[in-house]
Amino acid sequence: MARNDGRDVKDLRDIKFTRNWLDHAEGSVLVEFGKTRVLCVASFSPGVPRWLKDSGKGWVTSEYSMLPRATHTRSDRESVKGKLGGRT
């Protein structure tokens, strides 16, 4: 059985990594899996939340966003609904 693009069900899509895709981020990579594209960006800000100040610990956070019309259908974000679900 073949997929729409001709690959066998056991075949992976070609994967392409483009490092430093953004000019102003400390780090970025564009990852492409066929028509699926994921942009990962790393940035640095000095400091930590107040509750971690002087603890000797660091702070890492992340954000997720999907561009409008990136897929045929789209679920509303939990932050828009005012409640948290499994994606948060």
PDB file of N, CA and C in Angstrom:
ATOM      1  N   MET A   1       0.847  -1.180   0.000  1.00  0.00           N
ATOM      2  CA  MET A   1       0.000   0.000   0.000  1.00  0.00           C
ATOM      3  C   MET A   1       0.892   1.242   0.000  1.00  0.00           C
ATOM      4  N   ALA A   2       0.573   2.223  -0.809  1.00  0.00           N
ATOM      5  CA  ALA A   2       1.372   3.443  -0.913  1.00  0.00           C
ATOM      6  C   ALA A   2       0.581   4.639  -0.383  1.00  0.00           C
ATOM      7  N   ARG A   3       1.311   5.628   0.086  1.00  0.00           N
ATOM      8  CA  ARG A   3       0.700   6.879   0.535  1.00  0.00           C
ATOM      9  C   ARG A   3       0.440   7.779  -0.671  1.00  0.00           C
ATOM     10  N   ASN A   4      -0.228   8.909  -0.428  1.00  0.00           N
ATOM     11  CA  ASN A   4      -0.535   9.844  -1.516  1.00  0.00           C
ATOM     12  C   ASN A   4       0.711  10.336  -2.238  1.00  0.00           C
ATOM     13  N   ASP A   5       1.820  10.476  -1.508  1.00  0.00           N
ATOM     14  CA  ASP A   5       3.044  10.984  -2.132  1.00  0.00           C
ATOM     15  C   ASP A   5       3.918   9.872  -2.709  1.00  0.00           C
ATOM     16  N   GLY A   6       3.407   8.630  -2.711  1.00  0.00           N
ATOM     17  CA  GLY A   6       4.135   7.519  -3.312  1.00  0.00           C
ATOM     18  C   GLY A   6       4.987   6.715  -2.345  1.00  0.00           C
ATOM     19  N   ARG A   7       5.162   7.203  -1.101  1.00  0.00           N
ATOM     20  CA  ARG A   7       5.952   6.452  -0.126  1.00  0.00           C
ATOM     21  C   ARG A   7       5.186   5.223   0.329  1.00  0.00           C
ATOM     22  N   ASP A   8       5.918   4.176   0.672  1.00  0.00           N
ATOM     23  CA  ASP A   8       5.322   3.001   1.296  1.00  0.00           C
ATOM     24  C   ASP A   8       4.935   3.373   2.724  1.00  0.00           C
ATOM     25  N   VAL A   9       4.024   2.644   3.332  1.00  0.00           N
ATOM     26  CA  VAL A   9       3.589   2.950   4.700  1.00  0.00           C
ATOM     27  C   VAL A   9       4.736   2.872   5.702  1.00  0.00           C
ATOM     28  N   LYS A  10       5.794   2.163   5.390  1.00  0.00           N
ATOM     29  CA  LYS A  10       6.948   2.039   6.290  1.00  0.00           C
ATOM     30  C   LYS A  10       8.021   3.093   6.021  1.00  0.00           C
ATOM     31  N   ASP A  11       7.873   3.882   4.950  1.00  0.00           N
ATOM     32  CA  ASP A  11       8.888   4.870   4.582  1.00  0.00           C
ATOM     33  C   ASP A  11       8.643   6.195   5.289  1.00  0.00           C
ATOM     34  N   LEU A  12       9.722   6.787   5.820  1.00  0.00           N
ATOM     35  CA  LEU A  12       9.647   8.109   6.433  1.00  0.00           C
ATOM     36  C   LEU A  12       9.754   9.189   5.370  1.00  0.00           C
ATOM     37  N   ARG A  13       9.220  10.355   5.677  1.00  0.00           N
ATOM     38  CA  ARG A  13       9.421  11.505   4.798  1.00  0.00           C
ATOM     39  C   ARG A  13      10.862  11.981   4.941  1.00  0.00           C
ATOM     40  N   ASP A  14      11.383  12.629   3.906  1.00  0.00           N
ATOM     41  CA  ASP A  14      12.708  13.233   4.014  1.00  0.00           C
ATOM     42  C   ASP A  14      12.665  14.301   5.097  1.00  0.00           C
ATOM     43  N   ILE A  15      13.742  14.402   5.866  1.00  0.00           N
ATOM     44  CA  ILE A  15      13.836  15.389   6.932  1.00  0.00           C
ATOM     45  C   ILE A  15      14.980  16.334   6.602  1.00  0.00           C
ATOM     46  N   LYS A  16      14.705  17.632   6.710  1.00  0.00           N
ATOM     47  CA  LYS A  16      15.710  18.650   6.407  1.00  0.00           C
ATOM     48  C   LYS A  16      15.811  19.606   7.594  1.00  0.00           C
ATOM     49  N   PHE A  17      17.031  19.923   8.015  1.00  0.00           N
ATOM     50  CA  PHE A  17      17.285  20.868   9.098  1.00  0.00           C
ATOM     51  C   PHE A  17      18.013  22.083   8.523  1.00  0.00           C
ATOM     52  N   THR A  18      17.487  23.281   8.783  1.00  0.00           N
ATOM     53  CA  THR A  18      18.163  24.511   8.379  1.00  0.00           C
ATOM     54  C   THR A  18      18.483  25.289   9.648  1.00  0.00           C
ATOM     55  N   ARG A  19      19.756  25.268  10.029  1.00  0.00           N
ATOM     56  CA  ARG A  19      20.189  25.938  11.260  1.00  0.00           C
ATOM     57  C   ARG A  19      20.255  27.446  11.057  1.00  0.00           C
ATOM     58  N   ASN A  20      20.130  28.186  12.171  1.00  0.00           N
ATOM     59  CA  ASN A  20      20.221  29.653  12.169  1.00  0.00           C
ATOM     60  C   ASN A  20      19.253  30.270  11.163  1.00  0.00           C
ATOM     61  N   TRP A  21      18.021  29.789  11.151  1.00  0.00           N
ATOM     62  CA  TRP A  21      17.023  30.234  10.190  1.00  0.00           C
ATOM     63  C   TRP A  21      16.603  31.681  10.435  1.00  0.00           C
ATOM     64  N   LEU A  22      16.606  32.108  11.698  1.00  0.00           N
ATOM     65  CA  LEU A  22      16.285  33.498  12.041  1.00  0.00           C
ATOM     66  C   LEU A  22      17.564  34.282  12.303  1.00  0.00           C
ATOM     67  N   ASP A  23      17.567  35.537  11.907  1.00  0.00           N
ATOM     68  CA  ASP A  23      18.767  36.364  12.049  1.00  0.00           C
ATOM     69  C   ASP A  23      18.994  36.877  13.469  1.00  0.00           C
ATOM     70  N   HIS A  24      17.944  37.115  14.244  1.00  0.00           N
ATOM     71  CA  HIS A  24      18.100  37.825  15.514  1.00  0.00           C
ATOM     72  C   HIS A  24      17.938  36.959  16.756  1.00  0.00           C
ATOM     73  N   ALA A  25      17.691  35.673  16.606  1.00  0.00           N
ATOM     74  CA  ALA A  25      17.558  34.783  17.772  1.00  0.00           C
ATOM     75  C   ALA A  25      18.925  34.215  18.141  1.00  0.00           C
ATOM     76  N   GLU A  26      19.102  33.911  19.417  1.00  0.00           N
ATOM     77  CA  GLU A  26      20.356  33.281  19.839  1.00  0.00           C
ATOM     78  C   GLU A  26      20.534  31.919  19.183  1.00  0.00           C
ATOM     79  N   GLY A  27      19.451  31.245  18.889  1.00  0.00           N
ATOM     80  CA  GLY A  27      19.507  29.961  18.190  1.00  0.00           C
ATOM     81  C   GLY A  27      18.180  29.682  17.511  1.00  0.00           C
ATOM     82  N   SER A  28      18.231  29.093  16.316  1.00  0.00           N
ATOM     83  CA  SER A  28      16.991  28.736  15.626  1.00  0.00           C
ATOM     84  C   SER A  28      17.270  27.640  14.620  1.00  0.00           C
ATOM     85  N   VAL A  29      16.241  26.839  14.353  1.00  0.00           N
ATOM     86  CA  VAL A  29      16.338  25.797  13.330  1.00  0.00           C
ATOM     87  C   VAL A  29      14.954  25.613  12.711  1.00  0.00           C
ATOM     88  N   LEU A  30      14.929  25.495  11.394  1.00  0.00           N
ATOM     89  CA  LEU A  30      13.711  25.150  10.677  1.00  0.00           C
ATOM     90  C   LEU A  30      13.819  23.675  10.341  1.00  0.00           C
ATOM     91  N   VAL A  31      12.849  22.888  10.802  1.00  0.00           N
ATOM     92  CA  VAL A  31      12.837  21.446  10.540  1.00  0.00           C
ATOM     93  C   VAL A  31      11.696  21.174   9.571  1.00  0.00           C
ATOM     94  N   GLU A  32      11.997  20.475   8.480  1.00  0.00           N
ATOM     95  CA  GLU A  32      10.983  20.182   7.466  1.00  0.00           C
ATOM     96  C   GLU A  32      10.845  18.678   7.305  1.00  0.00           C
ATOM     97  N   PHE A  33       9.612  18.202   7.399  1.00  0.00           N
ATOM     98  CA  PHE A  33       9.254  16.802   7.186  1.00  0.00           C
ATOM     99  C   PHE A  33       8.247  16.802   6.048  1.00  0.00           C
ATOM    100  N   GLY A  34       8.695  16.741   4.807  1.00  0.00           N
ATOM    101  CA  GLY A  34       7.770  16.897   3.687  1.00  0.00           C
ATOM    102  C   GLY A  34       7.204  18.302   3.711  1.00  0.00           C
ATOM    103  N   LYS A  35       5.865  18.430   3.730  1.00  0.00           N
ATOM    104  CA  LYS A  35       5.235  19.750   3.767  1.00  0.00           C
ATOM    105  C   LYS A  35       5.064  20.284   5.188  1.00  0.00           C
ATOM    106  N   THR A  36       5.374  19.476   6.190  1.00  0.00           N
ATOM    107  CA  THR A  36       5.277  19.913   7.579  1.00  0.00           C
ATOM    108  C   THR A  36       6.547  20.660   7.943  1.00  0.00           C
ATOM    109  N   ARG A  37       6.384  21.873   8.472  1.00  0.00           N
ATOM    110  CA  ARG A  37       7.532  22.688   8.867  1.00  0.00           C
ATOM    111  C   ARG A  37       7.375  23.095  10.329  1.00  0.00           C
ATOM    112  N   VAL A  38       8.478  22.981  11.074  1.00  0.00           N
ATOM    113  CA  VAL A  38       8.484  23.365  12.481  1.00  0.00           C
ATOM    114  C   VAL A  38       9.656  24.311  12.691  1.00  0.00           C
ATOM    115  N   LEU A  39       9.378  25.485  13.229  1.00  0.00           N
ATOM    116  CA  LEU A  39      10.425  26.451  13.541  1.00  0.00           C
ATOM    117  C   LEU A  39      10.656  26.425  15.044  1.00  0.00           C
ATOM    118  N   CYS A  40      11.878  26.111  15.448  1.00  0.00           N
ATOM    119  CA  CYS A  40      12.252  26.083  16.862  1.00  0.00           C
ATOM    120  C   CYS A  40      13.224  27.231  17.110  1.00  0.00           C
ATOM    121  N   VAL A  41      12.951  28.006  18.145  1.00  0.00           N
ATOM    122  CA  VAL A  41      13.767  29.180  18.438  1.00  0.00           C
ATOM    123  C   VAL A  41      14.162  29.151  19.909  1.00  0.00           C
ATOM    124  N   ALA A  42      15.420  29.466  20.176  1.00  0.00           N
ATOM    125  CA  ALA A  42      15.904  29.592  21.551  1.00  0.00           C
ATOM    126  C   ALA A  42      16.376  31.028  21.756  1.00  0.00           C
ATOM    127  N   SER A  43      15.980  31.608  22.864  1.00  0.00           N
ATOM    128  CA  SER A  43      16.445  32.954  23.189  1.00  0.00           C
ATOM    129  C   SER A  43      16.866  32.977  24.653  1.00  0.00           C
ATOM    130  N   PHE A  44      17.621  33.984  25.005  1.00  0.00           N
ATOM    131  CA  PHE A  44      18.163  34.090  26.353  1.00  0.00           C
ATOM    132  C   PHE A  44      17.779  35.432  26.944  1.00  0.00           C
ATOM    133  N   SER A  45      17.316  35.405  28.176  1.00  0.00           N
ATOM    134  CA  SER A  45      17.050  36.624  28.934  1.00  0.00           C
ATOM    135  C   SER A  45      17.677  36.451  30.305  1.00  0.00           C
ATOM    136  N   PRO A  46      18.467  37.412  30.748  1.00  0.00           N
ATOM    137  CA  PRO A  46      19.054  37.289  32.085  1.00  0.00           C
ATOM    138  C   PRO A  46      17.968  37.385  33.154  1.00  0.00           C
ATOM    139  N   GLY A  47      18.197  36.714  34.258  1.00  0.00           N
ATOM    140  CA  GLY A  47      17.263  36.788  35.370  1.00  0.00           C
ATOM    141  C   GLY A  47      16.366  35.573  35.467  1.00  0.00           C
ATOM    142  N   VAL A  48      15.672  35.485  36.576  1.00  0.00           N
ATOM    143  CA  VAL A  48      14.737  34.395  36.856  1.00  0.00           C
ATOM    144  C   VAL A  48      13.500  35.008  37.510  1.00  0.00           C
ATOM    145  N   PRO A  49      12.411  34.243  37.632  1.00  0.00           N
ATOM    146  CA  PRO A  49      11.249  34.762  38.369  1.00  0.00           C
ATOM    147  C   PRO A  49      11.629  35.118  39.806  1.00  0.00           C
ATOM    148  N   ARG A  50      10.891  36.040  40.398  1.00  0.00           N
ATOM    149  CA  ARG A  50      11.208  36.498  41.767  1.00  0.00           C
ATOM    150  C   ARG A  50      11.366  35.361  42.755  1.00  0.00           C
ATOM    151  N   TRP A  51      10.522  34.346  42.637  1.00  0.00           N
ATOM    152  CA  TRP A  51      10.553  33.260  43.616  1.00  0.00           C
ATOM    153  C   TRP A  51      11.794  32.377  43.475  1.00  0.00           C
ATOM    154  N   LEU A  52      12.569  32.536  42.389  1.00  0.00           N
ATOM    155  CA  LEU A  52      13.820  31.787  42.234  1.00  0.00           C
ATOM    156  C   LEU A  52      15.057  32.642  42.496  1.00  0.00           C
ATOM    157  N   LYS A  53      14.858  33.930  42.729  1.00  0.00           N
ATOM    158  CA  LYS A  53      15.987  34.829  42.921  1.00  0.00           C
ATOM    159  C   LYS A  53      16.863  34.357  44.080  1.00  0.00           C
ATOM    160  N   ASP A  54      18.162  34.396  43.873  1.00  0.00           N
ATOM    161  CA  ASP A  54      19.181  34.004  44.863  1.00  0.00           C
ATOM    162  C   ASP A  54      19.131  32.527  45.236  1.00  0.00           C
ATOM    163  N   SER A  55      18.484  31.691  44.424  1.00  0.00           N
ATOM    164  CA  SER A  55      18.424  30.253  44.721  1.00  0.00           C
ATOM    165  C   SER A  55      19.556  29.490  44.037  1.00  0.00           C
ATOM    166  N   GLY A  56      20.251  30.150  43.100  1.00  0.00           N
ATOM    167  CA  GLY A  56      21.292  29.461  42.343  1.00  0.00           C
ATOM    168  C   GLY A  56      20.732  28.594  41.223  1.00  0.00           C
ATOM    169  N   LYS A  57      19.424  28.678  40.996  1.00  0.00           N
ATOM    170  CA  LYS A  57      18.778  27.872  39.963  1.00  0.00           C
ATOM    171  C   LYS A  57      18.453  28.732  38.744  1.00  0.00           C
ATOM    172  N   GLY A  58      18.268  28.057  37.614  1.00  0.00           N
ATOM    173  CA  GLY A  58      17.890  28.734  36.381  1.00  0.00           C
ATOM    174  C   GLY A  58      16.423  28.525  36.074  1.00  0.00           C
ATOM    175  N   TRP A  59      15.989  29.078  34.948  1.00  0.00           N
ATOM    176  CA  TRP A  59      14.588  29.007  34.563  1.00  0.00           C
ATOM    177  C   TRP A  59      14.498  28.797  33.062  1.00  0.00           C
ATOM    178  N   VAL A  60      13.756  27.774  32.661  1.00  0.00           N
ATOM    179  CA  VAL A  60      13.515  27.497  31.248  1.00  0.00           C
ATOM    180  C   VAL A  60      12.012  27.501  31.031  1.00  0.00           C
ATOM    181  N   THR A  61      11.566  28.149  29.985  1.00  0.00           N
ATOM    182  CA  THR A  61      10.149  28.178  29.657  1.00  0.00           C
ATOM    183  C   THR A  61       9.983  27.950  28.160  1.00  0.00           C
ATOM    184  N   SER A  62       8.785  27.622  27.748  1.00  0.00           N
ATOM    185  CA  SER A  62       8.554  27.396  26.318  1.00  0.00           C
ATOM    186  C   SER A  62       7.178  27.913  25.932  1.00  0.00           C
ATOM    187  N   GLU A  63       7.019  28.130  24.647  1.00  0.00           N
ATOM    188  CA  GLU A  63       5.743  28.569  24.101  1.00  0.00           C
ATOM    189  C   GLU A  63       5.450  27.760  22.855  1.00  0.00           C
ATOM    190  N   TYR A  64       4.185  27.621  22.537  1.00  0.00           N
ATOM    191  CA  TYR A  64       3.760  26.892  21.348  1.00  0.00           C
ATOM    192  C   TYR A  64       2.777  27.773  20.590  1.00  0.00           C
ATOM    193  N   SER A  65       2.908  27.789  19.288  1.00  0.00           N
ATOM    194  CA  SER A  65       1.961  28.539  18.480  1.00  0.00           C
ATOM    195  C   SER A  65       1.844  27.886  17.118  1.00  0.00           C
ATOM    196  N   MET A  66       0.642  27.874  16.578  1.00  0.00           N
ATOM    197  CA  MET A  66       0.421  27.338  15.239  1.00  0.00           C
ATOM    198  C   MET A  66      -0.179  28.455  14.399  1.00  0.00           C
ATOM    199  N   LEU A  67       0.366  28.664  13.214  1.00  0.00           N
ATOM    200  CA  LEU A  67      -0.124  29.722  12.343  1.00  0.00           C
ATOM    201  C   LEU A  67      -1.551  29.434  11.887  1.00  0.00           C
ATOM    202  N   PRO A  68      -2.358  30.481  11.729  1.00  0.00           N
ATOM    203  CA  PRO A  68      -3.712  30.275  11.200  1.00  0.00           C
ATOM    204  C   PRO A  68      -3.666  29.579   9.844  1.00  0.00           C
ATOM    205  N   ARG A  69      -4.580  28.662   9.628  1.00  0.00           N
ATOM    206  CA  ARG A  69      -4.717  27.893   8.386  1.00  0.00           C
ATOM    207  C   ARG A  69      -3.540  26.961   8.146  1.00  0.00           C
ATOM    208  N   ALA A  70      -2.822  26.605   9.192  1.00  0.00           N
ATOM    209  CA  ALA A  70      -1.745  25.629   9.055  1.00  0.00           C
ATOM    210  C   ALA A  70      -2.309  24.230   8.824  1.00  0.00           C
ATOM    211  N   THR A  71      -3.560  24.018   9.238  1.00  0.00           N
ATOM    212  CA  THR A  71      -4.240  22.740   9.030  1.00  0.00           C
ATOM    213  C   THR A  71      -5.657  23.017   8.543  1.00  0.00           C
ATOM    214  N   HIS A  72      -6.357  21.966   8.119  1.00  0.00           N
ATOM    215  CA  HIS A  72      -7.734  22.142   7.647  1.00  0.00           C
ATOM    216  C   HIS A  72      -8.668  22.553   8.775  1.00  0.00           C
ATOM    217  N   THR A  73      -8.502  21.926   9.951  1.00  0.00           N
ATOM    218  CA  THR A  73      -9.328  22.260  11.107  1.00  0.00           C
ATOM    219  C   THR A  73      -8.419  22.650  12.249  1.00  0.00           C
ATOM    220  N   ARG A  74      -8.971  23.354  13.222  1.00  0.00           N
ATOM    221  CA  ARG A  74      -8.143  23.864  14.295  1.00  0.00           C
ATOM    222  C   ARG A  74      -8.923  23.862  15.587  1.00  0.00           C
ATOM    223  N   SER A  75      -8.310  23.416  16.666  1.00  0.00           N
ATOM    224  CA  SER A  75      -8.919  23.490  17.994  1.00  0.00           C
ATOM    225  C   SER A  75      -8.567  24.830  18.617  1.00  0.00           C
ATOM    226  N   ASP A  76      -9.508  25.422  19.371  1.00  0.00           N
ATOM    227  CA  ASP A  76      -9.216  26.664  20.076  1.00  0.00           C
ATOM    228  C   ASP A  76      -8.182  26.406  21.157  1.00  0.00           C
ATOM    229  N   ARG A  77      -7.347  27.394  21.419  1.00  0.00           N
ATOM    230  CA  ARG A  77      -6.361  27.293  22.488  1.00  0.00           C
ATOM    231  C   ARG A  77      -7.059  27.333  23.839  1.00  0.00           C
ATOM    232  N   GLU A  78      -6.495  26.640  24.836  1.00  0.00           N
ATOM    233  CA  GLU A  78      -7.094  26.639  26.168  1.00  0.00           C
ATOM    234  C   GLU A  78      -7.134  28.041  26.758  1.00  0.00           C
ATOM    235  N   SER A  79      -6.107  28.856  26.459  1.00  0.00           N
ATOM    236  CA  SER A  79      -6.077  30.204  27.019  1.00  0.00           C
ATOM    237  C   SER A  79      -7.246  31.039  26.508  1.00  0.00           C
ATOM    238  N   VAL A  80      -7.724  30.760  25.306  1.00  0.00           N
ATOM    239  CA  VAL A  80      -8.873  31.473  24.752  1.00  0.00           C
ATOM    240  C   VAL A  80     -10.154  30.996  25.420  1.00  0.00           C
ATOM    241  N   LYS A  81     -10.235  29.696  25.698  1.00  0.00           N
ATOM    242  CA  LYS A  81     -11.418  29.123  26.332  1.00  0.00           C
ATOM    243  C   LYS A  81     -11.503  29.463  27.813  1.00  0.00           C
ATOM    244  N   GLY A  82     -10.374  29.849  28.417  1.00  0.00           N
ATOM    245  CA  GLY A  82     -10.358  30.156  29.836  1.00  0.00           C
ATOM    246  C   GLY A  82     -10.226  28.938  30.721  1.00  0.00           C
ATOM    247  N   LYS A  83      -9.816  27.803  30.145  1.00  0.00           N
ATOM    248  CA  LYS A  83      -9.614  26.605  30.958  1.00  0.00           C
ATOM    249  C   LYS A  83      -8.416  25.839  30.418  1.00  0.00           C
ATOM    250  N   LEU A  84      -7.849  25.004  31.255  1.00  0.00           N
ATOM    251  CA  LEU A  84      -6.686  24.222  30.873  1.00  0.00           C
ATOM    252  C   LEU A  84      -7.097  22.809  30.522  1.00  0.00           C
ATOM    253  N   GLY A  85      -6.436  22.259  29.506  1.00  0.00           N
ATOM    254  CA  GLY A  85      -6.724  20.895  29.085  1.00  0.00           C
ATOM    255  C   GLY A  85      -5.439  20.112  28.925  1.00  0.00           C
ATOM    256  N   GLY A  86      -5.476  19.049  28.162  1.00  0.00           N
ATOM    257  CA  GLY A  86      -4.326  18.174  27.998  1.00  0.00           C
ATOM    258  C   GLY A  86      -3.184  18.757  27.198  1.00  0.00           C
ATOM    259  N   ARG A  87      -3.420  19.810  26.407  1.00  0.00           N
ATOM    260  CA  ARG A  87      -2.363  20.392  25.585  1.00  0.00           C
ATOM    261  C   ARG A  87      -1.510  21.381  26.340  1.00  0.00           C
ATOM    262  N   THR A  88      -1.910  21.809  27.524  1.00  0.00           N
ATOM    263  CA  THR A  88      -1.203  22.858  28.244  1.00  0.00           C
ATOM    264  C   THR A  88      -0.098  22.273  29.085  1.00  0.00           C
TER     265      THR A  88
END
